[in-house]
Amino acid sequence: MKFLPFLLLITTAVISQNNHNFIIDNTSIIWTNEYKTTKSINEIFTSLKISGAHENLELIDQQIIGNIKPINIDFKHFGKSEFTTSMYVARRNYTGFFTIKLEGEKYVITLKKISGAQAYNDGLFELNQKQSLESLVLNNKNTLKKVFIRKDAELFDYSFNQLFQLK
């Protein structure tokens, strides 16, 4: 019995750790990550152009800006099906605006204005109906919903990482 409070404390600490790259700035959700690199900003820009997963790319003042093309969040990588995944994840194609800055030997991605467009009519939503990620995963206290943290954030992290890890 003496170990029960200690066990609860450790369990709470592990559960409350952020295992994702999302932050809230006022009422906006931002996804950010950094990657080690030996490439120049011009080489990163070229790699992004070649990948074909980004559009409206511009290199301005040693910073890359652009949009991600609509992507499906990869829930299958985690062994999930459409029926075991939140509807806003499985049934939407996501886009967003990003910036990339080179800071020493790493490049930093900041992805904002993330929104999802309904991939098909399902009786609840019309085809291409758009919603911001904020409207889907923020609660009324302006914090991330627990279900998002527990189930869905890792799916978004994985999918966004696939877009920005340079080969």
N, C-alpha and C. Protein backbone atom coordinates (compact mmCIF):
# COMPACT_ATOMS: atom_id res chain seq x y z
N MET A 1 0.80 -1.20 0.00
CA MET A 1 0.00 0.00 0.00
C MET A 1 0.85 1.27 0.00
N LYS A 2 2.04 1.19 0.59
CA LYS A 2 2.88 2.38 0.64
C LYS A 2 3.35 2.79 -0.75
N PHE A 3 3.39 1.84 -1.66
CA PHE A 3 3.88 2.13 -2.99
C PHE A 3 2.80 2.65 -3.93
N LEU A 4 1.54 2.54 -3.55
CA LEU A 4 0.45 2.97 -4.41
C LEU A 4 0.51 4.46 -4.76
N PRO A 5 0.70 5.39 -3.81
CA PRO A 5 0.82 6.81 -4.19
C PRO A 5 2.01 7.07 -5.11
N PHE A 6 3.11 6.39 -4.87
CA PHE A 6 4.30 6.54 -5.69
C PHE A 6 4.02 6.05 -7.11
N LEU A 7 3.36 4.91 -7.23
CA LEU A 7 3.02 4.36 -8.53
C LEU A 7 2.07 5.30 -9.28
N LEU A 8 1.10 5.85 -8.60
CA LEU A 8 0.17 6.80 -9.22
C LEU A 8 0.89 8.05 -9.70
N LEU A 9 1.84 8.53 -8.92
CA LEU A 9 2.61 9.71 -9.30
C LEU A 9 3.42 9.45 -10.57
N ILE A 10 4.08 8.31 -10.63
CA ILE A 10 4.88 7.97 -11.82
C ILE A 10 3.97 7.80 -13.03
N THR A 11 2.84 7.12 -12.86
CA THR A 11 1.91 6.91 -13.96
C THR A 11 1.39 8.24 -14.47
N THR A 12 1.01 9.14 -13.59
CA THR A 12 0.52 10.45 -13.99
C THR A 12 1.59 11.23 -14.74
N ALA A 13 2.82 11.18 -14.29
CA ALA A 13 3.92 11.90 -14.94
C ALA A 13 4.15 11.37 -16.34
N VAL A 14 4.10 10.06 -16.53
CA VAL A 14 4.32 9.48 -17.85
C VAL A 14 3.18 9.83 -18.79
N ILE A 15 1.94 9.77 -18.30
CA ILE A 15 0.78 10.06 -19.14
C ILE A 15 0.77 11.53 -19.55
N SER A 16 1.17 12.42 -18.68
CA SER A 16 1.07 13.85 -18.97
C SER A 16 2.21 14.39 -19.83
N GLN A 17 3.20 13.56 -20.13
CA GLN A 17 4.29 14.03 -20.97
C GLN A 17 3.78 14.31 -22.39
N ASN A 18 4.32 15.34 -23.01
CA ASN A 18 3.97 15.62 -24.40
C ASN A 18 4.74 14.68 -25.29
N ASN A 19 4.01 13.84 -25.99
CA ASN A 19 4.63 12.93 -26.94
C ASN A 19 4.28 13.35 -28.36
N HIS A 20 4.16 14.63 -28.56
CA HIS A 20 3.81 15.16 -29.86
C HIS A 20 4.48 16.51 -30.04
N ASN A 21 4.35 17.05 -31.23
CA ASN A 21 5.01 18.31 -31.59
C ASN A 21 4.03 19.45 -31.79
N PHE A 22 2.88 19.40 -31.14
CA PHE A 22 1.88 20.44 -31.26
C PHE A 22 1.98 21.42 -30.11
N ILE A 23 1.84 22.70 -30.45
CA ILE A 23 1.77 23.73 -29.42
C ILE A 23 0.57 24.62 -29.73
N ILE A 24 0.07 25.29 -28.72
CA ILE A 24 -1.04 26.21 -28.90
C ILE A 24 -0.51 27.62 -28.68
N ASP A 25 -0.73 28.47 -29.67
CA ASP A 25 -0.34 29.87 -29.60
C ASP A 25 -1.62 30.69 -29.70
N ASN A 26 -2.05 31.25 -28.57
CA ASN A 26 -3.36 31.89 -28.46
C ASN A 26 -4.43 30.86 -28.77
N THR A 27 -5.08 30.98 -29.92
CA THR A 27 -6.10 29.99 -30.28
C THR A 27 -5.69 29.21 -31.53
N SER A 28 -4.41 29.26 -31.89
CA SER A 28 -3.91 28.57 -33.08
C SER A 28 -3.08 27.35 -32.68
N ILE A 29 -3.25 26.29 -33.44
CA ILE A 29 -2.43 25.10 -33.25
C ILE A 29 -1.28 25.17 -34.24
N ILE A 30 -0.09 24.94 -33.73
CA ILE A 30 1.12 24.95 -34.54
C ILE A 30 1.83 23.63 -34.34
N TRP A 31 2.25 23.04 -35.43
CA TRP A 31 3.09 21.83 -35.36
C TRP A 31 4.50 22.26 -35.69
N THR A 32 5.45 21.88 -34.86
CA THR A 32 6.83 22.28 -35.09
C THR A 32 7.76 21.11 -34.82
N ASN A 33 8.83 21.06 -35.57
CA ASN A 33 9.84 20.02 -35.37
C ASN A 33 11.16 20.52 -35.94
N GLU A 34 12.22 19.90 -35.51
CA GLU A 34 13.54 20.24 -36.04
C GLU A 34 14.28 18.97 -36.41
N TYR A 35 15.13 19.10 -37.43
CA TYR A 35 15.87 17.97 -37.97
C TYR A 35 17.33 18.37 -38.17
N LYS A 36 18.22 17.47 -37.85
CA LYS A 36 19.64 17.72 -38.11
C LYS A 36 19.89 17.65 -39.60
N THR A 37 20.82 18.49 -40.05
CA THR A 37 21.16 18.50 -41.47
C THR A 37 22.55 19.08 -41.68
N THR A 38 23.13 18.72 -42.80
CA THR A 38 24.37 19.35 -43.25
C THR A 38 24.11 20.13 -44.55
N LYS A 39 22.84 20.14 -44.97
CA LYS A 39 22.46 20.81 -46.21
C LYS A 39 22.31 22.32 -46.01
N SER A 40 22.48 23.04 -47.09
CA SER A 40 22.23 24.48 -47.08
C SER A 40 20.73 24.71 -47.27
N ILE A 41 20.29 25.94 -47.07
CA ILE A 41 18.88 26.27 -47.25
C ILE A 41 18.48 26.07 -48.71
N ASN A 42 19.39 26.33 -49.64
CA ASN A 42 19.11 26.11 -51.07
C ASN A 42 18.94 24.62 -51.38
N GLU A 43 19.76 23.78 -50.76
CA GLU A 43 19.64 22.33 -50.96
C GLU A 43 18.34 21.80 -50.36
N ILE A 44 17.94 22.33 -49.21
CA ILE A 44 16.67 21.94 -48.60
C ILE A 44 15.52 22.35 -49.51
N PHE A 45 15.58 23.56 -50.04
CA PHE A 45 14.56 24.07 -50.96
C PHE A 45 14.43 23.15 -52.18
N THR A 46 15.56 22.76 -52.75
CA THR A 46 15.55 21.87 -53.91
C THR A 46 14.96 20.51 -53.56
N SER A 47 15.33 19.97 -52.40
CA SER A 47 14.79 18.68 -51.96
C SER A 47 13.27 18.73 -51.82
N LEU A 48 12.76 19.82 -51.27
CA LEU A 48 11.31 19.96 -51.11
C LEU A 48 10.62 20.04 -52.46
N LYS A 49 11.21 20.77 -53.41
CA LYS A 49 10.63 20.88 -54.75
C LYS A 49 10.58 19.51 -55.42
N ILE A 50 11.65 18.74 -55.28
CA ILE A 50 11.73 17.43 -55.91
C ILE A 50 10.72 16.45 -55.28
N SER A 51 10.46 16.59 -53.99
CA SER A 51 9.56 15.64 -53.31
C SER A 51 8.15 15.66 -53.87
N GLY A 52 7.71 16.82 -54.35
CA GLY A 52 6.38 16.92 -54.92
C GLY A 52 5.25 17.00 -53.90
N ALA A 53 5.56 17.00 -52.62
CA ALA A 53 4.53 17.01 -51.56
C ALA A 53 4.19 18.43 -51.10
N HIS A 54 4.85 19.41 -51.68
CA HIS A 54 4.67 20.80 -51.25
C HIS A 54 4.35 21.66 -52.46
N GLU A 55 3.68 22.79 -52.22
CA GLU A 55 3.35 23.69 -53.32
C GLU A 55 3.54 25.13 -52.88
N ASN A 56 3.57 26.02 -53.85
CA ASN A 56 3.76 27.46 -53.61
C ASN A 56 5.05 27.71 -52.82
N LEU A 57 6.09 26.96 -53.13
CA LEU A 57 7.36 27.11 -52.43
C LEU A 57 8.07 28.39 -52.85
N GLU A 58 8.59 29.09 -51.85
CA GLU A 58 9.40 30.28 -52.09
C GLU A 58 10.56 30.29 -51.11
N LEU A 59 11.68 30.80 -51.58
CA LEU A 59 12.86 30.99 -50.73
C LEU A 59 13.04 32.49 -50.59
N ILE A 60 12.78 32.99 -49.38
CA ILE A 60 12.84 34.43 -49.12
C ILE A 60 13.70 34.68 -47.88
N ASP A 61 14.74 35.46 -48.04
CA ASP A 61 15.61 35.82 -46.91
C ASP A 61 16.03 34.62 -46.07
N GLN A 62 16.59 33.62 -46.72
CA GLN A 62 17.09 32.42 -46.04
C GLN A 62 16.01 31.67 -45.27
N GLN A 63 14.76 31.78 -45.75
CA GLN A 63 13.64 31.07 -45.14
C GLN A 63 12.78 30.51 -46.27
N ILE A 64 12.32 29.29 -46.10
CA ILE A 64 11.44 28.66 -47.08
C ILE A 64 10.01 28.76 -46.57
N ILE A 65 9.12 29.16 -47.46
CA ILE A 65 7.70 29.16 -47.12
C ILE A 65 6.95 28.36 -48.17
N GLY A 66 5.82 27.80 -47.78
CA GLY A 66 5.03 27.05 -48.74
C GLY A 66 3.84 26.39 -48.06
N ASN A 67 3.16 25.58 -48.84
CA ASN A 67 2.01 24.83 -48.35
C ASN A 67 2.25 23.35 -48.59
N ILE A 68 1.68 22.55 -47.70
CA ILE A 68 1.70 21.12 -47.98
C ILE A 68 0.50 20.81 -48.85
N LYS A 69 0.71 19.95 -49.84
CA LYS A 69 -0.40 19.49 -50.66
C LYS A 69 -1.29 18.63 -49.79
N PRO A 70 -2.56 18.50 -50.16
CA PRO A 70 -3.47 17.68 -49.34
C PRO A 70 -2.92 16.27 -49.13
N ILE A 71 -2.90 15.87 -47.85
CA ILE A 71 -2.40 14.53 -47.50
C ILE A 71 -3.42 13.81 -46.63
N ASN A 72 -3.41 12.50 -46.74
CA ASN A 72 -4.15 11.65 -45.82
C ASN A 72 -3.26 11.40 -44.62
N ILE A 73 -3.81 11.46 -43.43
CA ILE A 73 -3.04 11.13 -42.24
C ILE A 73 -2.89 9.62 -42.21
N ASP A 74 -1.67 9.14 -42.07
CA ASP A 74 -1.36 7.71 -42.20
C ASP A 74 -1.66 6.97 -40.90
N PHE A 75 -2.89 6.53 -40.75
CA PHE A 75 -3.28 5.75 -39.57
C PHE A 75 -2.95 4.27 -39.76
N LYS A 76 -2.82 3.83 -41.01
CA LYS A 76 -2.54 2.41 -41.29
C LYS A 76 -1.15 2.02 -40.80
N HIS A 77 -0.21 2.96 -40.80
CA HIS A 77 1.14 2.69 -40.30
C HIS A 77 1.10 2.20 -38.85
N PHE A 78 0.08 2.61 -38.12
CA PHE A 78 -0.06 2.25 -36.71
C PHE A 78 -0.98 1.04 -36.52
N GLY A 79 -1.32 0.36 -37.62
CA GLY A 79 -2.16 -0.83 -37.53
C GLY A 79 -3.62 -0.52 -37.28
N LYS A 80 -4.04 0.69 -37.58
CA LYS A 80 -5.43 1.08 -37.36
C LYS A 80 -6.20 1.01 -38.68
N SER A 81 -7.50 0.91 -38.55
CA SER A 81 -8.36 0.95 -39.72
C SER A 81 -9.17 2.25 -39.67
N GLU A 82 -9.91 2.52 -40.74
CA GLU A 82 -10.74 3.71 -40.76
C GLU A 82 -11.77 3.68 -39.64
N PHE A 83 -12.22 2.49 -39.29
CA PHE A 83 -13.26 2.37 -38.26
C PHE A 83 -12.73 2.50 -36.84
N THR A 84 -11.42 2.33 -36.65
CA THR A 84 -10.84 2.48 -35.31
C THR A 84 -10.11 3.80 -35.15
N THR A 85 -10.23 4.67 -36.15
CA THR A 85 -9.56 5.97 -36.15
C THR A 85 -10.63 7.05 -36.08
N SER A 86 -10.33 8.13 -35.39
CA SER A 86 -11.26 9.26 -35.31
C SER A 86 -11.66 9.69 -36.72
N MET A 87 -12.95 10.01 -36.89
CA MET A 87 -13.45 10.38 -38.22
C MET A 87 -12.71 11.57 -38.81
N TYR A 88 -12.38 12.56 -37.98
CA TYR A 88 -11.71 13.75 -38.52
C TYR A 88 -10.29 13.45 -38.99
N VAL A 89 -9.75 12.30 -38.58
CA VAL A 89 -8.43 11.88 -39.06
C VAL A 89 -8.57 11.06 -40.34
N ALA A 90 -9.41 10.05 -40.29
CA ALA A 90 -9.49 9.08 -41.37
C ALA A 90 -10.20 9.61 -42.62
N ARG A 91 -11.09 10.59 -42.44
CA ARG A 91 -11.94 10.99 -43.56
C ARG A 91 -11.61 12.38 -44.12
N ARG A 92 -10.45 12.88 -43.80
CA ARG A 92 -10.08 14.22 -44.27
C ARG A 92 -8.68 14.22 -44.89
N ASN A 93 -8.50 15.14 -45.82
CA ASN A 93 -7.19 15.42 -46.40
C ASN A 93 -6.73 16.75 -45.82
N TYR A 94 -5.52 16.77 -45.28
CA TYR A 94 -5.03 17.94 -44.55
C TYR A 94 -4.04 18.76 -45.37
N THR A 95 -4.11 20.06 -45.17
CA THR A 95 -3.17 21.01 -45.76
C THR A 95 -2.71 21.97 -44.67
N GLY A 96 -1.72 22.77 -44.99
CA GLY A 96 -1.24 23.77 -44.04
C GLY A 96 -0.14 24.62 -44.66
N PHE A 97 0.16 25.70 -44.01
CA PHE A 97 1.20 26.64 -44.42
C PHE A 97 2.43 26.42 -43.54
N PHE A 98 3.61 26.36 -44.13
CA PHE A 98 4.81 26.11 -43.34
C PHE A 98 5.92 27.11 -43.63
N THR A 99 6.81 27.23 -42.65
CA THR A 99 8.07 27.94 -42.82
C THR A 99 9.19 27.01 -42.39
N ILE A 100 10.32 27.17 -43.02
CA ILE A 100 11.52 26.41 -42.66
C ILE A 100 12.66 27.39 -42.50
N LYS A 101 13.31 27.31 -41.37
CA LYS A 101 14.48 28.14 -41.10
C LYS A 101 15.65 27.24 -40.78
N LEU A 102 16.81 27.60 -41.27
CA LEU A 102 18.04 26.88 -40.95
C LEU A 102 18.67 27.55 -39.74
N GLU A 103 18.89 26.74 -38.70
CA GLU A 103 19.52 27.25 -37.47
C GLU A 103 20.71 26.36 -37.15
N GLY A 104 21.88 26.82 -37.58
CA GLY A 104 23.09 26.02 -37.37
C GLY A 104 23.03 24.74 -38.18
N GLU A 105 23.13 23.61 -37.50
CA GLU A 105 23.10 22.32 -38.19
C GLU A 105 21.75 21.63 -38.09
N LYS A 106 20.70 22.42 -38.04
CA LYS A 106 19.35 21.86 -38.03
C LYS A 106 18.42 22.80 -38.78
N TYR A 107 17.36 22.23 -39.31
CA TYR A 107 16.32 23.06 -39.90
C TYR A 107 15.05 22.89 -39.08
N VAL A 108 14.35 23.99 -38.90
CA VAL A 108 13.18 24.03 -38.03
C VAL A 108 11.94 24.26 -38.89
N ILE A 109 10.98 23.37 -38.74
CA ILE A 109 9.71 23.45 -39.46
C ILE A 109 8.65 24.03 -38.53
N THR A 110 7.88 24.96 -39.03
CA THR A 110 6.71 25.48 -38.32
C THR A 110 5.53 25.35 -39.28
N LEU A 111 4.56 24.54 -38.90
CA LEU A 111 3.38 24.30 -39.74
C LEU A 111 2.16 24.92 -39.06
N LYS A 112 1.49 25.82 -39.77
CA LYS A 112 0.34 26.56 -39.23
C LYS A 112 -0.84 26.43 -40.17
N LYS A 113 -1.97 26.97 -39.74
CA LYS A 113 -3.18 27.00 -40.56
C LYS A 113 -3.52 25.62 -41.10
N ILE A 114 -3.42 24.63 -40.23
CA ILE A 114 -3.70 23.25 -40.61
C ILE A 114 -5.22 23.07 -40.70
N SER A 115 -5.66 22.57 -41.83
CA SER A 115 -7.10 22.33 -41.99
C SER A 115 -7.32 21.04 -42.75
N GLY A 116 -8.48 20.47 -42.54
CA GLY A 116 -8.83 19.23 -43.20
C GLY A 116 -10.07 19.41 -44.06
N ALA A 117 -10.03 18.84 -45.26
CA ALA A 117 -11.19 18.85 -46.16
C ALA A 117 -11.75 17.44 -46.22
N GLN A 118 -13.05 17.34 -46.08
CA GLN A 118 -13.72 16.04 -46.12
C GLN A 118 -13.40 15.34 -47.43
N ALA A 119 -12.95 14.08 -47.34
CA ALA A 119 -12.53 13.34 -48.52
C ALA A 119 -13.70 12.79 -49.34
N TYR A 120 -14.85 12.59 -48.69
CA TYR A 120 -16.03 12.08 -49.41
C TYR A 120 -17.28 12.37 -48.59
N ASN A 121 -18.43 12.32 -49.27
CA ASN A 121 -19.72 12.48 -48.57
C ASN A 121 -19.93 11.26 -47.68
N ASP A 122 -20.31 11.50 -46.44
CA ASP A 122 -20.57 10.36 -45.55
C ASP A 122 -21.87 10.52 -44.77
N GLY A 123 -22.70 11.46 -45.14
CA GLY A 123 -23.94 11.70 -44.44
C GLY A 123 -23.81 12.71 -43.32
N LEU A 124 -22.60 12.87 -42.79
CA LEU A 124 -22.34 13.86 -41.75
C LEU A 124 -21.72 15.13 -42.32
N PHE A 125 -20.83 14.94 -43.30
CA PHE A 125 -20.12 16.07 -43.90
C PHE A 125 -20.17 15.94 -45.42
N GLU A 126 -20.16 17.08 -46.07
CA GLU A 126 -20.14 17.13 -47.53
C GLU A 126 -18.72 16.99 -48.04
N LEU A 127 -18.58 16.50 -49.26
CA LEU A 127 -17.30 16.40 -49.92
C LEU A 127 -16.61 17.77 -49.92
N ASN A 128 -15.34 17.80 -49.55
CA ASN A 128 -14.49 19.01 -49.52
C ASN A 128 -14.88 20.03 -48.46
N GLN A 129 -15.80 19.70 -47.58
CA GLN A 129 -16.12 20.61 -46.48
C GLN A 129 -14.88 20.76 -45.61
N LYS A 130 -14.46 22.01 -45.37
CA LYS A 130 -13.22 22.27 -44.64
C LYS A 130 -13.48 22.66 -43.20
N GLN A 131 -12.57 22.23 -42.33
CA GLN A 131 -12.56 22.65 -40.94
C GLN A 131 -11.12 22.80 -40.50
N SER A 132 -10.89 23.81 -39.67
CA SER A 132 -9.55 24.00 -39.13
C SER A 132 -9.27 22.91 -38.10
N LEU A 133 -8.01 22.59 -37.92
CA LEU A 133 -7.64 21.62 -36.90
C LEU A 133 -8.05 22.12 -35.52
N GLU A 134 -7.97 23.44 -35.31
CA GLU A 134 -8.37 24.02 -34.03
C GLU A 134 -9.82 23.66 -33.70
N SER A 135 -10.71 23.77 -34.68
CA SER A 135 -12.13 23.49 -34.42
C SER A 135 -12.37 22.02 -34.12
N LEU A 136 -11.43 21.17 -34.52
CA LEU A 136 -11.60 19.73 -34.31
C LEU A 136 -10.98 19.22 -33.02
N VAL A 137 -9.88 19.84 -32.58
CA VAL A 137 -9.13 19.23 -31.46
C VAL A 137 -8.93 20.13 -30.24
N LEU A 138 -9.39 21.38 -30.29
CA LEU A 138 -9.30 22.23 -29.10
C LEU A 138 -10.60 22.15 -28.32
N ASN A 139 -10.48 22.08 -27.01
CA ASN A 139 -11.69 22.10 -26.18
C ASN A 139 -12.03 23.53 -25.80
N ASN A 140 -13.07 23.72 -24.99
CA ASN A 140 -13.51 25.07 -24.65
C ASN A 140 -12.54 25.79 -23.70
N LYS A 141 -11.54 25.08 -23.18
CA LYS A 141 -10.51 25.71 -22.34
C LYS A 141 -9.27 26.09 -23.16
N ASN A 142 -9.39 25.96 -24.49
CA ASN A 142 -8.30 26.26 -25.40
C ASN A 142 -7.08 25.37 -25.16
N THR A 143 -7.34 24.11 -24.82
CA THR A 143 -6.28 23.10 -24.70
C THR A 143 -6.64 21.95 -25.63
N LEU A 144 -5.65 21.12 -25.91
CA LEU A 144 -5.90 19.98 -26.78
C LEU A 144 -6.79 18.96 -26.09
N LYS A 145 -7.76 18.46 -26.82
CA LYS A 145 -8.64 17.43 -26.27
C LYS A 145 -7.83 16.19 -25.92
N LYS A 146 -8.21 15.53 -24.86
CA LYS A 146 -7.48 14.35 -24.39
C LYS A 146 -7.45 13.25 -25.44
N VAL A 147 -8.53 13.06 -26.16
CA VAL A 147 -8.57 12.02 -27.18
C VAL A 147 -7.55 12.32 -28.28
N PHE A 148 -7.36 13.60 -28.60
CA PHE A 148 -6.35 13.96 -29.59
C PHE A 148 -4.96 13.59 -29.07
N ILE A 149 -4.66 13.96 -27.85
CA ILE A 149 -3.35 13.66 -27.27
C ILE A 149 -3.13 12.15 -27.18
N ARG A 150 -4.14 11.46 -26.73
CA ARG A 150 -4.03 10.03 -26.48
C ARG A 150 -3.99 9.19 -27.76
N LYS A 151 -4.79 9.56 -28.77
CA LYS A 151 -4.95 8.70 -29.93
C LYS A 151 -4.43 9.27 -31.24
N ASP A 152 -4.60 10.56 -31.46
CA ASP A 152 -4.45 11.09 -32.81
C ASP A 152 -3.19 11.91 -33.07
N ALA A 153 -2.63 12.53 -32.05
CA ALA A 153 -1.46 13.39 -32.26
C ALA A 153 -0.31 12.62 -32.89
N GLU A 154 -0.08 11.39 -32.46
CA GLU A 154 1.02 10.61 -33.02
C GLU A 154 0.81 10.31 -34.50
N LEU A 155 -0.44 10.20 -34.93
CA LEU A 155 -0.74 9.96 -36.34
C LEU A 155 -0.37 11.18 -37.18
N PHE A 156 -0.74 12.36 -36.68
CA PHE A 156 -0.37 13.60 -37.37
C PHE A 156 1.14 13.79 -37.36
N ASP A 157 1.78 13.56 -36.20
CA ASP A 157 3.24 13.69 -36.11
C ASP A 157 3.93 12.83 -37.16
N TYR A 158 3.53 11.58 -37.22
CA TYR A 158 4.15 10.66 -38.17
C TYR A 158 3.98 11.17 -39.61
N SER A 159 2.76 11.53 -39.95
CA SER A 159 2.48 11.97 -41.32
C SER A 159 3.22 13.26 -41.67
N PHE A 160 3.24 14.22 -40.75
CA PHE A 160 3.95 15.47 -41.01
C PHE A 160 5.46 15.23 -41.08
N ASN A 161 5.98 14.36 -40.24
CA ASN A 161 7.41 14.04 -40.30
C ASN A 161 7.78 13.46 -41.66
N GLN A 162 6.91 12.64 -42.22
CA GLN A 162 7.19 12.05 -43.53
C GLN A 162 7.32 13.13 -44.61
N LEU A 163 6.62 14.23 -44.44
CA LEU A 163 6.66 15.32 -45.42
C LEU A 163 7.94 16.13 -45.35
N PHE A 164 8.55 16.19 -44.17
CA PHE A 164 9.65 17.13 -43.98
C PHE A 164 11.02 16.51 -43.71
N GLN A 165 11.08 15.20 -43.51
CA GLN A 165 12.39 14.58 -43.33
C GLN A 165 13.03 14.45 -44.70
N LEU A 166 14.17 15.08 -44.87
CA LEU A 166 14.86 15.07 -46.16
C LEU A 166 15.59 13.75 -46.36
N LYS A 167 15.53 13.29 -47.57
CA LYS A 167 16.20 12.03 -47.91
C LYS A 167 17.61 12.30 -48.35
